[in-house]
Amino acid sequence: MSNKVYVGGLPYSVTEGQLQEIFAAHGTVESARVIADKFTGQSRGFGFVEMSSGGEAQKAIQALNGTQLEGRTLVVNEAKPMGSRDGGGRGNSSGGRNRW
């Protein structure tokens, strides 16, 4: 098991410090990050926590998944590797025909 954990359903007011405190009760937290909108800086309601071991990550997942925080239900599970971000490929803007 990976030591990286995805945390969804976060209240928009939660800080990285608060996220670290929540997970510290279940093991050593290496890092805690709340993902913010790049334009507004407001939380997007999810984040990632890196625990010191896979066992601690599993313990945190079991303890915190489905719990309530400020009226919101947390979704806590193993973080998945980020997929390719190739831009989606709009293709040829000429409708598929080459116009020379």
PDB file of N, CA and C in Angstrom:
ATOM      1  N   MET A   1       0.844  -1.196   0.000  1.00  0.00           N
ATOM      2  CA  MET A   1       0.000   0.000   0.000  1.00  0.00           C
ATOM      3  C   MET A   1       0.874   1.239   0.000  1.00  0.00           C
ATOM      4  N   SER A   2       0.435   2.219  -0.733  1.00  0.00           N
ATOM      5  CA  SER A   2       1.125   3.500  -0.798  1.00  0.00           C
ATOM      6  C   SER A   2       0.941   4.260   0.515  1.00  0.00           C
ATOM      7  N   ASN A   3       1.830   5.194   0.776  1.00  0.00           N
ATOM      8  CA  ASN A   3       1.681   6.016   1.971  1.00  0.00           C
ATOM      9  C   ASN A   3       1.000   7.346   1.654  1.00  0.00           C
ATOM     10  N   LYS A   4       0.507   7.510   0.429  1.00  0.00           N
ATOM     11  CA  LYS A   4      -0.196   8.735   0.033  1.00  0.00           C
ATOM     12  C   LYS A   4      -1.698   8.504   0.068  1.00  0.00           C
ATOM     13  N   VAL A   5      -2.405   9.465   0.645  1.00  0.00           N
ATOM     14  CA  VAL A   5      -3.840   9.340   0.883  1.00  0.00           C
ATOM     15  C   VAL A   5      -4.566  10.523   0.248  1.00  0.00           C
ATOM     16  N   TYR A   6      -5.674  10.224  -0.431  1.00  0.00           N
ATOM     17  CA  TYR A   6      -6.569  11.241  -0.976  1.00  0.00           C
ATOM     18  C   TYR A   6      -7.631  11.540   0.071  1.00  0.00           C
ATOM     19  N   VAL A   7      -7.951  12.821   0.244  1.00  0.00           N
ATOM     20  CA  VAL A   7      -8.992  13.228   1.188  1.00  0.00           C
ATOM     21  C   VAL A   7      -9.973  14.130   0.450  1.00  0.00           C
ATOM     22  N   GLY A   8     -11.198  13.653   0.252  1.00  0.00           N
ATOM     23  CA  GLY A   8     -12.238  14.425  -0.411  1.00  0.00           C
ATOM     24  C   GLY A   8     -13.323  14.818   0.575  1.00  0.00           C
ATOM     25  N   GLY A   9     -14.167  15.747   0.148  1.00  0.00           N
ATOM     26  CA  GLY A   9     -15.266  16.193   1.000  1.00  0.00           C
ATOM     27  C   GLY A   9     -14.832  17.165   2.088  1.00  0.00           C
ATOM     28  N   LEU A  10     -13.670  17.779   1.905  1.00  0.00           N
ATOM     29  CA  LEU A  10     -13.188  18.720   2.924  1.00  0.00           C
ATOM     30  C   LEU A  10     -14.015  20.000   2.920  1.00  0.00           C
ATOM     31  N   PRO A  11     -14.311  20.529   4.093  1.00  0.00           N
ATOM     32  CA  PRO A  11     -14.921  21.854   4.148  1.00  0.00           C
ATOM     33  C   PRO A  11     -13.952  22.858   3.504  1.00  0.00           C
ATOM     34  N   TYR A  12     -14.471  23.852   2.824  1.00  0.00           N
ATOM     35  CA  TYR A  12     -13.622  24.814   2.121  1.00  0.00           C
ATOM     36  C   TYR A  12     -12.773  25.652   3.065  1.00  0.00           C
ATOM     37  N   SER A  13     -13.117  25.654   4.345  1.00  0.00           N
ATOM     38  CA  SER A  13     -12.375  26.458   5.321  1.00  0.00           C
ATOM     39  C   SER A  13     -11.163  25.730   5.914  1.00  0.00           C
ATOM     40  N   VAL A  14     -11.008  24.438   5.645  1.00  0.00           N
ATOM     41  CA  VAL A  14      -9.930  23.651   6.254  1.00  0.00           C
ATOM     42  C   VAL A  14      -8.574  24.077   5.702  1.00  0.00           C
ATOM     43  N   THR A  15      -7.611  24.248   6.602  1.00  0.00           N
ATOM     44  CA  THR A  15      -6.252  24.617   6.221  1.00  0.00           C
ATOM     45  C   THR A  15      -5.366  23.375   6.193  1.00  0.00           C
ATOM     46  N   GLU A  16      -4.185  23.530   5.625  1.00  0.00           N
ATOM     47  CA  GLU A  16      -3.241  22.414   5.604  1.00  0.00           C
ATOM     48  C   GLU A  16      -2.823  22.030   7.017  1.00  0.00           C
ATOM     49  N   GLY A  17      -2.708  23.004   7.912  1.00  0.00           N
ATOM     50  CA  GLY A  17      -2.371  22.724   9.308  1.00  0.00           C
ATOM     51  C   GLY A  17      -3.445  21.887   9.991  1.00  0.00           C
ATOM     52  N   GLN A  18      -4.708  22.212   9.741  1.00  0.00           N
ATOM     53  CA  GLN A  18      -5.805  21.446  10.321  1.00  0.00           C
ATOM     54  C   GLN A  18      -5.840  20.030   9.751  1.00  0.00           C
ATOM     55  N   LEU A  19      -5.584  19.894   8.451  1.00  0.00           N
ATOM     56  CA  LEU A  19      -5.557  18.580   7.827  1.00  0.00           C
ATOM     57  C   LEU A  19      -4.448  17.727   8.438  1.00  0.00           C
ATOM     58  N   GLN A  20      -3.309  18.333   8.673  1.00  0.00           N
ATOM     59  CA  GLN A  20      -2.196  17.610   9.292  1.00  0.00           C
ATOM     60  C   GLN A  20      -2.563  17.160  10.708  1.00  0.00           C
ATOM     61  N   GLU A  21      -3.207  18.023  11.469  1.00  0.00           N
ATOM     62  CA  GLU A  21      -3.631  17.672  12.837  1.00  0.00           C
ATOM     63  C   GLU A  21      -4.590  16.484  12.847  1.00  0.00           C
ATOM     64  N   ILE A  22      -5.538  16.475  11.912  1.00  0.00           N
ATOM     65  CA  ILE A  22      -6.531  15.402  11.846  1.00  0.00           C
ATOM     66  C   ILE A  22      -5.836  14.062  11.622  1.00  0.00           C
ATOM     67  N   PHE A  23      -4.867  14.034  10.711  1.00  0.00           N
ATOM     68  CA  PHE A  23      -4.190  12.780  10.378  1.00  0.00           C
ATOM     69  C   PHE A  23      -3.101  12.414  11.373  1.00  0.00           C
ATOM     70  N   ALA A  24      -2.558  13.375  12.092  1.00  0.00           N
ATOM     71  CA  ALA A  24      -1.486  13.097  13.054  1.00  0.00           C
ATOM     72  C   ALA A  24      -1.947  12.171  14.173  1.00  0.00           C
ATOM     73  N   ALA A  25      -3.241  12.124  14.435  1.00  0.00           N
ATOM     74  CA  ALA A  25      -3.770  11.223  15.461  1.00  0.00           C
ATOM     75  C   ALA A  25      -3.643   9.761  15.044  1.00  0.00           C
ATOM     76  N   HIS A  26      -3.314   9.520  13.771  1.00  0.00           N
ATOM     77  CA  HIS A  26      -3.258   8.157  13.253  1.00  0.00           C
ATOM     78  C   HIS A  26      -1.868   7.757  12.758  1.00  0.00           C
ATOM     79  N   GLY A  27      -0.875   8.611  12.988  1.00  0.00           N
ATOM     80  CA  GLY A  27       0.489   8.297  12.578  1.00  0.00           C
ATOM     81  C   GLY A  27       1.272   9.558  12.271  1.00  0.00           C
ATOM     82  N   THR A  28       2.477   9.363  11.764  1.00  0.00           N
ATOM     83  CA  THR A  28       3.352  10.489  11.441  1.00  0.00           C
ATOM     84  C   THR A  28       3.008  11.032  10.057  1.00  0.00           C
ATOM     85  N   VAL A  29       2.705  12.312   9.999  1.00  0.00           N
ATOM     86  CA  VAL A  29       2.350  12.969   8.744  1.00  0.00           C
ATOM     87  C   VAL A  29       3.612  13.587   8.142  1.00  0.00           C
ATOM     88  N   GLU A  30       3.948  13.165   6.933  1.00  0.00           N
ATOM     89  CA  GLU A  30       5.097  13.727   6.223  1.00  0.00           C
ATOM     90  C   GLU A  30       4.719  15.047   5.557  1.00  0.00           C
ATOM     91  N   SER A  31       3.512  15.097   4.972  1.00  0.00           N
ATOM     92  CA  SER A  31       3.031  16.336   4.345  1.00  0.00           C
ATOM     93  C   SER A  31       1.512  16.296   4.252  1.00  0.00           C
ATOM     94  N   ALA A  32       0.913  17.476   4.239  1.00  0.00           N
ATOM     95  CA  ALA A  32      -0.536  17.617   4.076  1.00  0.00           C
ATOM     96  C   ALA A  32      -0.769  18.798   3.142  1.00  0.00           C
ATOM     97  N   ARG A  33      -1.575  18.574   2.125  1.00  0.00           N
ATOM     98  CA  ARG A  33      -1.789  19.624   1.128  1.00  0.00           C
ATOM     99  C   ARG A  33      -3.261  19.728   0.777  1.00  0.00           C
ATOM    100  N   VAL A  34      -3.817  20.924   0.903  1.00  0.00           N
ATOM    101  CA  VAL A  34      -5.177  21.209   0.470  1.00  0.00           C
ATOM    102  C   VAL A  34      -5.064  21.815  -0.925  1.00  0.00           C
ATOM    103  N   ILE A  35      -5.791  21.265  -1.877  1.00  0.00           N
ATOM    104  CA  ILE A  35      -5.714  21.733  -3.259  1.00  0.00           C
ATOM    105  C   ILE A  35      -6.613  22.959  -3.421  1.00  0.00           C
ATOM    106  N   ALA A  36      -6.027  24.006  -3.996  1.00  0.00           N
ATOM    107  CA  ALA A  36      -6.745  25.271  -4.169  1.00  0.00           C
ATOM    108  C   ALA A  36      -6.891  25.598  -5.653  1.00  0.00           C
ATOM    109  N   ASP A  37      -7.933  26.333  -5.990  1.00  0.00           N
ATOM    110  CA  ASP A  37      -8.135  26.822  -7.344  1.00  0.00           C
ATOM    111  C   ASP A  37      -6.985  27.753  -7.702  1.00  0.00           C
ATOM    112  N   LYS A  38      -6.395  27.569  -8.882  1.00  0.00           N
ATOM    113  CA  LYS A  38      -5.215  28.367  -9.220  1.00  0.00           C
ATOM    114  C   LYS A  38      -5.536  29.830  -9.508  1.00  0.00           C
ATOM    115  N   PHE A  39      -6.786  30.147  -9.787  1.00  0.00           N
ATOM    116  CA  PHE A  39      -7.140  31.530 -10.068  1.00  0.00           C
ATOM    117  C   PHE A  39      -7.644  32.275  -8.835  1.00  0.00           C
ATOM    118  N   THR A  40      -8.495  31.613  -8.031  1.00  0.00           N
ATOM    119  CA  THR A  40      -9.091  32.292  -6.877  1.00  0.00           C
ATOM    120  C   THR A  40      -8.350  32.021  -5.579  1.00  0.00           C
ATOM    121  N   GLY A  41      -7.596  30.916  -5.537  1.00  0.00           N
ATOM    122  CA  GLY A  41      -6.904  30.542  -4.305  1.00  0.00           C
ATOM    123  C   GLY A  41      -7.799  29.847  -3.292  1.00  0.00           C
ATOM    124  N   GLN A  42      -9.086  29.685  -3.601  1.00  0.00           N
ATOM    125  CA  GLN A  42     -10.025  29.025  -2.683  1.00  0.00           C
ATOM    126  C   GLN A  42      -9.850  27.514  -2.764  1.00  0.00           C
ATOM    127  N   SER A  43     -10.016  26.866  -1.628  1.00  0.00           N
ATOM    128  CA  SER A  43      -9.941  25.409  -1.564  1.00  0.00           C
ATOM    129  C   SER A  43     -10.921  24.784  -2.542  1.00  0.00           C
ATOM    130  N   ARG A  44     -10.513  23.653  -3.137  1.00  0.00           N
ATOM    131  CA  ARG A  44     -11.392  22.913  -4.036  1.00  0.00           C
ATOM    132  C   ARG A  44     -12.101  21.775  -3.305  1.00  0.00           C
ATOM    133  N   GLY A  45     -11.876  21.662  -1.989  1.00  0.00           N
ATOM    134  CA  GLY A  45     -12.600  20.675  -1.193  1.00  0.00           C
ATOM    135  C   GLY A  45     -11.946  19.312  -1.122  1.00  0.00           C
ATOM    136  N   PHE A  46     -10.678  19.232  -1.554  1.00  0.00           N
ATOM    137  CA  PHE A  46      -9.968  17.969  -1.423  1.00  0.00           C
ATOM    138  C   PHE A  46      -8.485  18.232  -1.227  1.00  0.00           C
ATOM    139  N   GLY A  47      -7.783  17.195  -0.812  1.00  0.00           N
ATOM    140  CA  GLY A  47      -6.356  17.337  -0.587  1.00  0.00           C
ATOM    141  C   GLY A  47      -5.673  15.990  -0.534  1.00  0.00           C
ATOM    142  N   PHE A  48      -4.385  16.023  -0.201  1.00  0.00           N
ATOM    143  CA  PHE A  48      -3.582  14.820  -0.130  1.00  0.00           C
ATOM    144  C   PHE A  48      -2.736  14.856   1.124  1.00  0.00           C
ATOM    145  N   VAL A  49      -2.577  13.696   1.742  1.00  0.00           N
ATOM    146  CA  VAL A  49      -1.749  13.569   2.937  1.00  0.00           C
ATOM    147  C   VAL A  49      -0.766  12.440   2.684  1.00  0.00           C
ATOM    148  N   GLU A  50       0.486  12.672   3.027  1.00  0.00           N
ATOM    149  CA  GLU A  50       1.498  11.625   2.923  1.00  0.00           C
ATOM    150  C   GLU A  50       1.900  11.216   4.333  1.00  0.00           C
ATOM    151  N   MET A  51       1.662   9.947   4.633  1.00  0.00           N
ATOM    152  CA  MET A  51       2.015   9.395   5.941  1.00  0.00           C
ATOM    153  C   MET A  51       3.413   8.793   5.844  1.00  0.00           C
ATOM    154  N   SER A  52       4.016   8.464   6.988  1.00  0.00           N
ATOM    155  CA  SER A  52       5.380   7.941   6.968  1.00  0.00           C
ATOM    156  C   SER A  52       5.460   6.496   6.507  1.00  0.00           C
ATOM    157  N   SER A  53       4.348   5.752   6.532  1.00  0.00           N
ATOM    158  CA  SER A  53       4.360   4.366   6.057  1.00  0.00           C
ATOM    159  C   SER A  53       2.992   3.991   5.502  1.00  0.00           C
ATOM    160  N   GLY A  54       2.986   2.922   4.721  1.00  0.00           N
ATOM    161  CA  GLY A  54       1.730   2.421   4.178  1.00  0.00           C
ATOM    162  C   GLY A  54       0.787   1.934   5.262  1.00  0.00           C
ATOM    163  N   GLY A  55       1.341   1.369   6.330  1.00  0.00           N
ATOM    164  CA  GLY A  55       0.510   0.900   7.440  1.00  0.00           C
ATOM    165  C   GLY A  55      -0.208   2.038   8.139  1.00  0.00           C
ATOM    166  N   GLU A  56       0.497   3.149   8.338  1.00  0.00           N
ATOM    167  CA  GLU A  56      -0.130   4.324   8.958  1.00  0.00           C
ATOM    168  C   GLU A  56      -1.187   4.915   8.030  1.00  0.00           C
ATOM    169  N   ALA A  57      -0.914   4.904   6.731  1.00  0.00           N
ATOM    170  CA  ALA A  57      -1.895   5.410   5.771  1.00  0.00           C
ATOM    171  C   ALA A  57      -3.163   4.563   5.833  1.00  0.00           C
ATOM    172  N   GLN A  58      -3.008   3.236   5.888  1.00  0.00           N
ATOM    173  CA  GLN A  58      -4.165   2.344   5.964  1.00  0.00           C
ATOM    174  C   GLN A  58      -4.948   2.566   7.256  1.00  0.00           C
ATOM    175  N   LYS A  59      -4.239   2.775   8.338  1.00  0.00           N
ATOM    176  CA  LYS A  59      -4.885   3.034   9.627  1.00  0.00           C
ATOM    177  C   LYS A  59      -5.705   4.327   9.567  1.00  0.00           C
ATOM    178  N   ALA A  60      -5.143   5.366   8.954  1.00  0.00           N
ATOM    179  CA  ALA A  60      -5.853   6.649   8.830  1.00  0.00           C
ATOM    180  C   ALA A  60      -7.077   6.503   7.940  1.00  0.00           C
ATOM    181  N   ILE A  61      -6.947   5.760   6.848  1.00  0.00           N
ATOM    182  CA  ILE A  61      -8.075   5.543   5.940  1.00  0.00           C
ATOM    183  C   ILE A  61      -9.216   4.856   6.685  1.00  0.00           C
ATOM    184  N   GLN A  62      -8.895   3.790   7.411  1.00  0.00           N
ATOM    185  CA  GLN A  62      -9.928   3.051   8.142  1.00  0.00           C
ATOM    186  C   GLN A  62     -10.589   3.907   9.212  1.00  0.00           C
ATOM    187  N   ALA A  63      -9.805   4.763   9.861  1.00  0.00           N
ATOM    188  CA  ALA A  63     -10.349   5.580  10.948  1.00  0.00           C
ATOM    189  C   ALA A  63     -11.158   6.780  10.454  1.00  0.00           C
ATOM    190  N   LEU A  64     -10.776   7.359   9.320  1.00  0.00           N
ATOM    191  CA  LEU A  64     -11.355   8.640   8.917  1.00  0.00           C
ATOM    192  C   LEU A  64     -12.365   8.578   7.774  1.00  0.00           C
ATOM    193  N   ASN A  65     -12.311   7.554   6.943  1.00  0.00           N
ATOM    194  CA  ASN A  65     -13.241   7.482   5.818  1.00  0.00           C
ATOM    195  C   ASN A  65     -14.680   7.407   6.324  1.00  0.00           C
ATOM    196  N   GLY A  66     -15.518   8.302   5.806  1.00  0.00           N
ATOM    197  CA  GLY A  66     -16.929   8.326   6.193  1.00  0.00           C
ATOM    198  C   GLY A  66     -17.232   9.141   7.430  1.00  0.00           C
ATOM    199  N   THR A  67     -16.214   9.721   8.073  1.00  0.00           N
ATOM    200  CA  THR A  67     -16.456  10.550   9.253  1.00  0.00           C
ATOM    201  C   THR A  67     -16.893  11.953   8.837  1.00  0.00           C
ATOM    202  N   GLN A  68     -17.447  12.687   9.792  1.00  0.00           N
ATOM    203  CA  GLN A  68     -17.933  14.044   9.546  1.00  0.00           C
ATOM    204  C   GLN A  68     -16.909  15.078   9.996  1.00  0.00           C
ATOM    205  N   LEU A  69     -16.767  16.132   9.204  1.00  0.00           N
ATOM    206  CA  LEU A  69     -15.942  17.283   9.578  1.00  0.00           C
ATOM    207  C   LEU A  69     -16.703  18.533   9.174  1.00  0.00           C
ATOM    208  N   GLU A  70     -17.106  19.315  10.153  1.00  0.00           N
ATOM    209  CA  GLU A  70     -17.876  20.546   9.919  1.00  0.00           C
ATOM    210  C   GLU A  70     -19.080  20.283   9.013  1.00  0.00           C
ATOM    211  N   GLY A  71     -19.774  19.178   9.276  1.00  0.00           N
ATOM    212  CA  GLY A  71     -20.992  18.868   8.546  1.00  0.00           C
ATOM    213  C   GLY A  71     -20.794  18.207   7.194  1.00  0.00           C
ATOM    214  N   ARG A  72     -19.555  17.928   6.814  1.00  0.00           N
ATOM    215  CA  ARG A  72     -19.285  17.272   5.526  1.00  0.00           C
ATOM    216  C   ARG A  72     -18.696  15.885   5.775  1.00  0.00           C
ATOM    217  N   THR A  73     -19.049  14.943   4.931  1.00  0.00           N
ATOM    218  CA  THR A  73     -18.557  13.576   5.058  1.00  0.00           C
ATOM    219  C   THR A  73     -17.253  13.429   4.295  1.00  0.00           C
ATOM    220  N   LEU A  74     -16.215  12.982   5.000  1.00  0.00           N
ATOM    221  CA  LEU A  74     -14.912  12.806   4.374  1.00  0.00           C
ATOM    222  C   LEU A  74     -14.853  11.507   3.574  1.00  0.00           C
ATOM    223  N   VAL A  75     -14.199  11.585   2.439  1.00  0.00           N
ATOM    224  CA  VAL A  75     -13.888  10.412   1.624  1.00  0.00           C
ATOM    225  C   VAL A  75     -12.374  10.281   1.679  1.00  0.00           C
ATOM    226  N   VAL A  76     -11.911   9.208   2.296  1.00  0.00           N
ATOM    227  CA  VAL A  76     -10.470   9.019   2.499  1.00  0.00           C
ATOM    228  C   VAL A  76     -10.092   7.668   1.908  1.00  0.00           C
ATOM    229  N   ASN A  77      -9.166   7.689   0.943  1.00  0.00           N
ATOM    230  CA  ASN A  77      -8.704   6.439   0.355  1.00  0.00           C
ATOM    231  C   ASN A  77      -7.289   6.599  -0.201  1.00  0.00           C
ATOM    232  N   GLU A  78      -6.746   5.499  -0.686  1.00  0.00           N
ATOM    233  CA  GLU A  78      -5.397   5.534  -1.227  1.00  0.00           C
ATOM    234  C   GLU A  78      -5.363   6.431  -2.460  1.00  0.00           C
ATOM    235  N   ALA A  79      -4.367   7.312  -2.522  1.00  0.00           N
ATOM    236  CA  ALA A  79      -4.245   8.215  -3.661  1.00  0.00           C
ATOM    237  C   ALA A  79      -3.825   7.417  -4.892  1.00  0.00           C
ATOM    238  N   LYS A  80      -4.433   7.739  -6.016  1.00  0.00           N
ATOM    239  CA  LYS A  80      -4.093   7.099  -7.275  1.00  0.00           C
ATOM    240  C   LYS A  80      -3.045   7.955  -7.994  1.00  0.00           C
ATOM    241  N   PRO A  81      -2.156   7.331  -8.750  1.00  0.00           N
ATOM    242  CA  PRO A  81      -1.181   8.122  -9.510  1.00  0.00           C
ATOM    243  C   PRO A  81      -1.895   9.042 -10.497  1.00  0.00           C
ATOM    244  N   MET A  82      -1.355  10.237 -10.689  1.00  0.00           N
ATOM    245  CA  MET A  82      -1.961  11.197 -11.597  1.00  0.00           C
ATOM    246  C   MET A  82      -1.790  10.721 -13.029  1.00  0.00           C
ATOM    247  N   GLY A  83      -2.851  10.772 -13.807  1.00  0.00           N
ATOM    248  CA  GLY A  83      -2.820  10.332 -15.192  1.00  0.00           C
ATOM    249  C   GLY A  83      -2.152  11.350 -16.095  1.00  0.00           C
ATOM    250  N   SER A  84      -2.036  10.992 -17.343  1.00  0.00           N
ATOM    251  CA  SER A  84      -1.424  11.854 -18.341  1.00  0.00           C
ATOM    252  C   SER A  84      -2.279  13.100 -18.556  1.00  0.00           C
ATOM    253  N   ARG A  85      -1.616  14.222 -18.704  1.00  0.00           N
ATOM    254  CA  ARG A  85      -2.312  15.477 -18.984  1.00  0.00           C
ATOM    255  C   ARG A  85      -1.825  16.003 -20.328  1.00  0.00           C
ATOM    256  N   ASP A  86      -2.301  15.398 -21.420  1.00  0.00           N
ATOM    257  CA  ASP A  86      -1.813  15.776 -22.739  1.00  0.00           C
ATOM    258  C   ASP A  86      -2.636  16.863 -23.410  1.00  0.00           C
ATOM    259  N   GLY A  87      -3.634  17.395 -22.742  1.00  0.00           N
ATOM    260  CA  GLY A  87      -4.403  18.502 -23.291  1.00  0.00           C
ATOM    261  C   GLY A  87      -5.695  18.086 -23.988  1.00  0.00           C
ATOM    262  N   GLY A  88      -5.952  16.807 -24.101  1.00  0.00           N
ATOM    263  CA  GLY A  88      -7.227  16.361 -24.625  1.00  0.00           C
ATOM    264  C   GLY A  88      -7.290  16.193 -26.129  1.00  0.00           C
ATOM    265  N   GLY A  89      -6.453  16.840 -26.884  1.00  0.00           N
ATOM    266  CA  GLY A  89      -6.395  16.653 -28.327  1.00  0.00           C
ATOM    267  C   GLY A  89      -7.625  17.121 -29.074  1.00  0.00           C
ATOM    268  N   ARG A  90      -7.738  18.398 -29.327  1.00  0.00           N
ATOM    269  CA  ARG A  90      -8.881  18.924 -30.065  1.00  0.00           C
ATOM    270  C   ARG A  90      -8.822  18.531 -31.531  1.00  0.00           C
ATOM    271  N   GLY A  91      -7.665  18.168 -31.988  1.00  0.00           N
ATOM    272  CA  GLY A  91      -7.552  17.717 -33.375  1.00  0.00           C
ATOM    273  C   GLY A  91      -7.427  18.872 -34.347  1.00  0.00           C
ATOM    274  N   ASN A  92      -7.672  18.567 -35.576  1.00  0.00           N
ATOM    275  CA  ASN A  92      -7.542  19.524 -36.665  1.00  0.00           C
ATOM    276  C   ASN A  92      -8.752  20.454 -36.669  1.00  0.00           C
ATOM    277  N   SER A  93      -8.531  21.747 -36.633  1.00  0.00           N
ATOM    278  CA  SER A  93      -9.640  22.697 -36.570  1.00  0.00           C
ATOM    279  C   SER A  93     -10.335  22.867 -37.922  1.00  0.00           C
ATOM    280  N   SER A  94      -9.814  22.214 -38.965  1.00  0.00           N
ATOM    281  CA  SER A  94     -10.444  22.360 -40.285  1.00  0.00           C
ATOM    282  C   SER A  94     -11.511  21.290 -40.513  1.00  0.00           C
ATOM    283  N   GLY A  95     -11.908  20.590 -39.476  1.00  0.00           N
ATOM    284  CA  GLY A  95     -12.967  19.608 -39.609  1.00  0.00           C
ATOM    285  C   GLY A  95     -12.475  18.290 -40.176  1.00  0.00           C
ATOM    286  N   GLY A  96     -11.193  18.038 -40.106  1.00  0.00           N
ATOM    287  CA  GLY A  96     -10.655  16.762 -40.568  1.00  0.00           C
ATOM    288  C   GLY A  96     -10.126  16.790 -41.985  1.00  0.00           C
ATOM    289  N   ARG A  97     -10.338  17.874 -42.721  1.00  0.00           N
ATOM    290  CA  ARG A  97      -9.846  17.968 -44.090  1.00  0.00           C
ATOM    291  C   ARG A  97      -8.660  18.919 -44.122  1.00  0.00           C
ATOM    292  N   ASN A  98      -7.675  18.539 -44.858  1.00  0.00           N
ATOM    293  CA  ASN A  98      -6.534  19.440 -45.040  1.00  0.00           C
ATOM    294  C   ASN A  98      -6.873  20.467 -46.088  1.00  0.00           C
ATOM    295  N   ARG A  99      -6.736  21.707 -45.733  1.00  0.00           N
ATOM    296  CA  ARG A  99      -7.024  22.797 -46.690  1.00  0.00           C
ATOM    297  C   ARG A  99      -5.720  23.498 -46.993  1.00  0.00           C
ATOM    298  N   TRP A 100      -5.191  23.203 -48.118  1.00  0.00           N
ATOM    299  CA  TRP A 100      -3.911  23.828 -48.496  1.00  0.00           C
ATOM    300  C   TRP A 100      -4.176  24.959 -49.380  1.00  0.00           C
TER     301      TRP A 100
END
